[in-house]
Amino acid sequence: MTERDLLAFCGLYCGACGLRDLKEPAEKMKQILDAYNYGEIAKFIPGMEEYPAFEKTLTEFTKQFCPGCRQGGGNPNCVIRICAKERGFNTCADCNEMPCEKAKFITEGYPSVIENLKRIKKIGSDKWLEEQREKVAAGFSYTDMLSKKKK
């Protein structure tokens, strides 16, 4: 995977996605719970009747990794990805119709994508990627943004 693979067609930076960080903590938690044989212990703890379902879900999280939409991750039917690829665009920033109706669903969850795309158009994707790396190094994550939105 290259740095350019972290630039989604829609203008998101995959390097700031909290889902990319899910696998390692899930593996660690599973390791700890397995070491203590928690599956057996949970049977005796009130409120832990659903532990087998949790354990199954946790196991699935250990298998999760999204390489980004450029490498086949995300929704394979994403209208933004399909449109950009069909038109030969690196991102929606290359399109004169941006923002368009196809991007509406992503802007509802991530209103910053329009500003991202404008910035990409202004300074280019390489410089934008550098800025995003710096933001993530300073602690930026879409998880934080989405968590604040739900409050």
Protein backbone atom coordinates (compact mmCIF):
# COMPACT_ATOMS: atom_id res chain seq x y z
CA MET A 1 0.00 0.00 0.00
CA THR A 2 1.32 3.42 -0.91
CA GLU A 3 0.60 6.81 0.58
CA ARG A 4 -1.51 7.67 -2.48
CA ASP A 5 -3.75 4.68 -1.69
CA LEU A 6 -4.83 6.52 1.47
CA LEU A 7 -6.53 9.24 -0.59
CA ALA A 8 -10.09 8.11 -1.19
CA PHE A 9 -11.85 9.16 -4.39
CA CYS A 10 -14.29 11.21 -2.30
CA GLY A 11 -11.63 13.27 -0.55
CA LEU A 12 -11.33 11.38 2.71
CA TYR A 13 -7.91 10.45 4.07
CA CYS A 14 -7.96 6.74 4.93
CA GLY A 15 -4.99 7.22 7.26
CA ALA A 16 -7.33 9.08 9.65
CA CYS A 17 -9.92 6.30 9.78
CA GLY A 18 -10.36 4.69 13.18
CA LEU A 19 -11.53 1.46 11.57
CA ARG A 20 -7.98 0.93 10.34
CA ASP A 21 -6.95 0.79 14.00
CA LEU A 22 -9.54 -1.79 15.07
CA LYS A 23 -7.71 -5.03 14.30
CA GLU A 24 -4.74 -4.66 16.67
CA PRO A 25 -6.72 -3.75 19.83
CA ALA A 26 -9.22 -6.52 19.07
CA GLU A 27 -6.36 -9.02 18.78
CA LYS A 28 -4.90 -7.80 22.09
CA MET A 29 -8.25 -8.00 23.88
CA LYS A 30 -8.90 -11.48 22.50
CA GLN A 31 -5.42 -12.57 23.63
CA ILE A 32 -6.07 -11.32 27.18
CA LEU A 33 -9.54 -12.85 27.41
CA ASP A 34 -8.30 -16.17 26.04
CA ALA A 35 -5.34 -16.19 28.44
CA TYR A 36 -7.76 -15.91 31.36
CA ASN A 37 -10.17 -18.43 29.82
CA TYR A 38 -12.84 -15.76 30.06
CA GLY A 39 -15.30 -17.78 27.98
CA GLU A 40 -15.63 -20.19 30.90
CA ILE A 41 -15.54 -17.50 33.61
CA ALA A 42 -18.27 -15.43 31.90
CA LYS A 43 -20.78 -18.24 32.46
CA PHE A 44 -20.72 -17.45 36.17
CA ILE A 45 -20.96 -13.66 35.92
CA PRO A 46 -24.45 -12.11 35.92
CA GLY A 47 -25.07 -10.07 32.79
CA MET A 48 -22.50 -11.96 30.71
CA GLU A 49 -24.94 -14.39 29.10
CA GLU A 50 -24.21 -12.90 25.69
CA TYR A 51 -20.46 -13.38 26.02
CA PRO A 52 -20.29 -16.05 23.26
CA ALA A 53 -21.81 -13.56 20.78
CA PHE A 54 -19.34 -10.89 21.92
CA GLU A 55 -16.46 -13.34 21.54
CA LYS A 56 -17.58 -14.18 18.01
CA THR A 57 -17.81 -10.48 17.14
CA LEU A 58 -14.40 -9.81 18.66
CA THR A 59 -12.93 -12.63 16.57
CA GLU A 60 -14.41 -11.01 13.47
CA PHE A 61 -12.84 -7.67 14.43
CA THR A 62 -9.43 -9.38 14.49
CA LYS A 63 -9.94 -10.18 10.81
CA GLN A 64 -10.87 -6.63 9.82
CA PHE A 65 -8.59 -4.41 7.81
CA CYS A 66 -9.61 -1.89 5.18
CA PRO A 67 -6.90 -1.15 2.63
CA GLY A 68 -8.85 1.87 1.38
CA CYS A 69 -11.15 2.11 -1.61
CA ARG A 70 -8.28 2.32 -4.10
CA GLN A 71 -7.18 -1.17 -3.04
CA GLY A 72 -10.67 -2.72 -2.91
CA GLY A 73 -11.75 -1.75 0.60
CA GLY A 74 -14.99 -0.05 1.49
CA ASN A 75 -18.27 -0.39 -0.35
CA PRO A 76 -17.64 -1.99 -3.75
CA ASN A 77 -20.78 -0.26 -5.04
CA CYS A 78 -19.76 3.23 -3.91
CA VAL A 79 -21.17 5.59 -6.55
CA ILE A 80 -18.32 8.05 -5.96
CA ARG A 81 -15.63 5.43 -6.58
CA ILE A 82 -17.43 4.09 -9.65
CA CYS A 83 -17.93 7.57 -11.11
CA ALA A 84 -14.34 8.70 -10.50
CA LYS A 85 -12.88 5.51 -11.96
CA GLU A 86 -15.16 5.64 -15.01
CA ARG A 87 -14.12 9.24 -15.68
CA GLY A 88 -10.44 8.54 -14.99
CA PHE A 89 -10.32 10.98 -12.06
CA ASN A 90 -7.90 10.69 -9.16
CA THR A 91 -10.56 12.23 -6.87
CA CYS A 92 -13.77 14.22 -7.19
CA ALA A 93 -11.53 17.31 -7.09
CA ASP A 94 -10.77 16.62 -10.76
CA CYS A 95 -14.45 16.98 -11.68
CA ASN A 96 -16.01 20.30 -12.69
CA GLU A 97 -19.36 19.12 -11.28
CA MET A 98 -17.98 18.77 -7.74
CA PRO A 99 -19.83 18.77 -5.42
CA CYS A 100 -22.60 16.75 -7.04
CA GLU A 101 -25.59 14.73 -5.95
CA LYS A 102 -23.52 11.50 -5.92
CA ALA A 103 -21.34 12.90 -3.14
CA LYS A 104 -24.28 13.94 -0.94
CA PHE A 105 -24.24 10.78 1.19
CA ILE A 106 -20.58 11.21 2.11
CA THR A 107 -20.90 14.92 2.88
CA GLU A 108 -23.69 14.17 5.35
CA GLY A 109 -21.35 12.04 7.46
CA TYR A 110 -18.15 13.91 6.67
CA PRO A 111 -18.96 17.53 5.87
CA SER A 112 -15.23 18.30 5.56
CA VAL A 113 -14.87 16.35 2.30
CA ILE A 114 -15.95 19.33 0.20
CA GLU A 115 -13.25 21.48 1.83
CA ASN A 116 -10.80 18.59 1.38
CA LEU A 117 -11.60 18.38 -2.32
CA LYS A 118 -11.26 22.14 -2.75
CA ARG A 119 -7.91 21.99 -0.98
CA ILE A 120 -6.74 19.07 -3.16
CA LYS A 121 -7.73 21.04 -6.26
CA LYS A 122 -5.80 24.07 -4.99
CA ILE A 123 -2.54 22.47 -3.77
CA GLY A 124 -2.53 19.02 -5.38
CA SER A 125 -2.91 15.59 -3.86
CA ASP A 126 0.73 15.11 -2.84
CA LYS A 127 0.81 18.28 -0.73
CA TRP A 128 -2.67 17.50 0.66
CA LEU A 129 -1.54 14.01 1.67
CA GLU A 130 1.42 15.53 3.47
CA GLU A 131 -0.92 17.85 5.38
CA GLN A 132 -3.14 14.92 6.33
CA ARG A 133 -0.18 12.88 7.59
CA GLU A 134 0.77 15.83 9.80
CA LYS A 135 -2.81 16.16 11.10
CA VAL A 136 -2.94 12.46 12.01
CA ALA A 137 0.49 12.66 13.66
CA ALA A 138 -0.90 15.52 15.75
CA GLY A 139 -3.84 13.34 16.84
CA PHE A 140 -6.57 13.89 14.21
CA SER A 141 -8.96 11.00 13.60
CA TYR A 142 -12.34 10.80 11.89
CA THR A 143 -13.45 8.82 14.94
CA ASP A 144 -13.14 11.95 17.08
CA MET A 145 -15.06 14.01 14.52
CA LEU A 146 -17.86 11.46 14.24
CA SER A 147 -18.08 11.00 18.01
CA LYS A 148 -18.55 14.75 18.52
CA LYS A 149 -21.25 14.82 15.84
CA LYS A 150 -23.34 12.19 17.66
CA LYS A 151 -23.35 14.07 20.97
